Amino acid sequence: MNLELNEEQANLFGSLFEEFYANRMASLKEFLANIERSLILDTLEKTKGDQKKAAEILGLKYTTLHEKIKRYHIYFRTVVF
């Protein structure tokens, strides 16, 4: 799987790393959950909410992605013009 980060993602992850190491404001589990949630949100945005396509891009089964969406309370609406 080839997952390239855009500049915004790289900056977000960089700030999360800095926060984690400098302040220890989150546990490793919370830190990784924040990264996973960010990747899911970004992928859903890129796929315009298509969960099947997002799961494929992320290398997850559709049901696994759906469970993670529920766990992280992710709400994504597609807007159709």
C-alpha atoms as a PDB file:
ATOM      1  CA  MET A   1       0.000   0.000   0.000  1.00  0.00           C
ATOM      2  CA  ASN A   2       1.348   3.388  -0.971  1.00  0.00           C
ATOM      3  CA  LEU A   3      -0.052   6.096   1.268  1.00  0.00           C
ATOM      4  CA  GLU A   4       1.332   9.541   0.609  1.00  0.00           C
ATOM      5  CA  LEU A   5       0.714  12.357   3.041  1.00  0.00           C
ATOM      6  CA  ASN A   6      -0.216  15.785   1.794  1.00  0.00           C
ATOM      7  CA  GLU A   7       1.346  18.859   3.392  1.00  0.00           C
ATOM      8  CA  GLU A   8      -1.609  19.414   5.716  1.00  0.00           C
ATOM      9  CA  GLN A   9      -1.445  15.827   7.004  1.00  0.00           C
ATOM     10  CA  ALA A  10       2.319  16.004   7.450  1.00  0.00           C
ATOM     11  CA  ASN A  11       1.941  19.212   9.473  1.00  0.00           C
ATOM     12  CA  LEU A  12      -0.826  17.689  11.596  1.00  0.00           C
ATOM     13  CA  PHE A  13       1.190  14.572  12.348  1.00  0.00           C
ATOM     14  CA  GLY A  14       4.270  16.664  13.043  1.00  0.00           C
ATOM     15  CA  SER A  15       2.362  18.733  15.595  1.00  0.00           C
ATOM     16  CA  LEU A  16       0.901  15.583  17.156  1.00  0.00           C
ATOM     17  CA  PHE A  17       4.412  14.108  17.456  1.00  0.00           C
ATOM     18  CA  GLU A  18       5.714  17.308  19.049  1.00  0.00           C
ATOM     19  CA  GLU A  19       2.833  17.392  21.521  1.00  0.00           C
ATOM     20  CA  PHE A  20       3.312  13.753  22.415  1.00  0.00           C
ATOM     21  CA  TYR A  21       7.052  13.959  23.027  1.00  0.00           C
ATOM     22  CA  ALA A  22       7.220  17.447  24.531  1.00  0.00           C
ATOM     23  CA  ASN A  23       4.227  17.403  26.848  1.00  0.00           C
ATOM     24  CA  ARG A  24       3.138  13.776  27.161  1.00  0.00           C
ATOM     25  CA  MET A  25      -0.420  15.083  27.023  1.00  0.00           C
ATOM     26  CA  ALA A  26      -1.695  11.814  25.597  1.00  0.00           C
ATOM     27  CA  SER A  27      -0.917   8.168  25.975  1.00  0.00           C
ATOM     28  CA  LEU A  28       0.486   6.274  23.022  1.00  0.00           C
ATOM     29  CA  LYS A  29      -2.938   4.701  22.545  1.00  0.00           C
ATOM     30  CA  GLU A  30      -4.622   8.131  22.376  1.00  0.00           C
ATOM     31  CA  PHE A  31      -1.914   9.439  20.079  1.00  0.00           C
ATOM     32  CA  LEU A  32      -2.336   6.564  17.616  1.00  0.00           C
ATOM     33  CA  ALA A  33      -6.131   6.887  17.783  1.00  0.00           C
ATOM     34  CA  ASN A  34      -5.828  10.569  16.822  1.00  0.00           C
ATOM     35  CA  ILE A  35      -3.693   9.653  13.814  1.00  0.00           C
ATOM     36  CA  GLU A  36      -6.060   6.865  12.766  1.00  0.00           C
ATOM     37  CA  ARG A  37      -9.086   9.156  13.105  1.00  0.00           C
ATOM     38  CA  SER A  38      -7.354  11.860  11.056  1.00  0.00           C
ATOM     39  CA  LEU A  39      -6.505   9.414   8.275  1.00  0.00           C
ATOM     40  CA  ILE A  40     -10.065   8.089   8.169  1.00  0.00           C
ATOM     41  CA  LEU A  41     -11.532  11.604   8.025  1.00  0.00           C
ATOM     42  CA  ASP A  42      -9.131  12.679   5.291  1.00  0.00           C
ATOM     43  CA  THR A  43      -9.816   9.562   3.236  1.00  0.00           C
ATOM     44  CA  LEU A  44     -13.579   9.993   3.588  1.00  0.00           C
ATOM     45  CA  GLU A  45     -13.195  13.577   2.439  1.00  0.00           C
ATOM     46  CA  LYS A  46     -11.195  12.469  -0.612  1.00  0.00           C
ATOM     47  CA  THR A  47     -13.772   9.801  -1.472  1.00  0.00           C
ATOM     48  CA  LYS A  48     -16.691  12.169  -0.822  1.00  0.00           C
ATOM     49  CA  GLY A  49     -17.981   9.861   1.900  1.00  0.00           C
ATOM     50  CA  ASP A  50     -17.736   6.613  -0.074  1.00  0.00           C
ATOM     51  CA  GLN A  51     -16.942   4.191   2.733  1.00  0.00           C
ATOM     52  CA  LYS A  52     -16.277   1.234   0.422  1.00  0.00           C
ATOM     53  CA  LYS A  53     -13.705   3.214  -1.535  1.00  0.00           C
ATOM     54  CA  ALA A  54     -12.202   4.639   1.673  1.00  0.00           C
ATOM     55  CA  ALA A  55     -11.852   1.146   3.143  1.00  0.00           C
ATOM     56  CA  GLU A  56     -10.068  -0.009  -0.008  1.00  0.00           C
ATOM     57  CA  ILE A  57      -7.662   2.943   0.078  1.00  0.00           C
ATOM     58  CA  LEU A  58      -6.929   2.380   3.774  1.00  0.00           C
ATOM     59  CA  GLY A  59      -6.459  -1.366   3.288  1.00  0.00           C
ATOM     60  CA  LEU A  60      -9.325  -2.240   5.622  1.00  0.00           C
ATOM     61  CA  LYS A  61     -12.396  -4.395   5.311  1.00  0.00           C
ATOM     62  CA  TYR A  62     -15.549  -2.311   4.935  1.00  0.00           C
ATOM     63  CA  THR A  63     -16.899  -3.651   8.242  1.00  0.00           C
ATOM     64  CA  THR A  64     -13.668  -2.742  10.057  1.00  0.00           C
ATOM     65  CA  LEU A  65     -13.808   0.814   8.723  1.00  0.00           C
ATOM     66  CA  HIS A  66     -17.465   1.069   9.723  1.00  0.00           C
ATOM     67  CA  GLU A  67     -16.591  -0.063  13.290  1.00  0.00           C
ATOM     68  CA  LYS A  68     -13.816   2.544  13.490  1.00  0.00           C
ATOM     69  CA  ILE A  69     -16.162   5.259  12.215  1.00  0.00           C
ATOM     70  CA  LYS A  70     -18.594   4.385  15.000  1.00  0.00           C
ATOM     71  CA  ARG A  71     -15.810   4.152  17.624  1.00  0.00           C
ATOM     72  CA  TYR A  72     -14.424   7.586  16.735  1.00  0.00           C
ATOM     73  CA  HIS A  73     -17.886   9.145  16.331  1.00  0.00           C
ATOM     74  CA  ILE A  74     -17.136  10.248  12.786  1.00  0.00           C
ATOM     75  CA  TYR A  75     -20.046  11.823  10.977  1.00  0.00           C
ATOM     76  CA  PHE A  76     -19.492  12.573   7.329  1.00  0.00           C
ATOM     77  CA  ARG A  77     -22.182  13.906   5.053  1.00  0.00           C
ATOM     78  CA  THR A  78     -21.869  14.121   1.332  1.00  0.00           C
ATOM     79  CA  VAL A  79     -23.181  17.250  -0.264  1.00  0.00           C
ATOM     80  CA  VAL A  80     -24.733  16.816  -3.676  1.00  0.00           C
ATOM     81  CA  PHE A  81     -25.256  19.893  -5.854  1.00  0.00           C
END
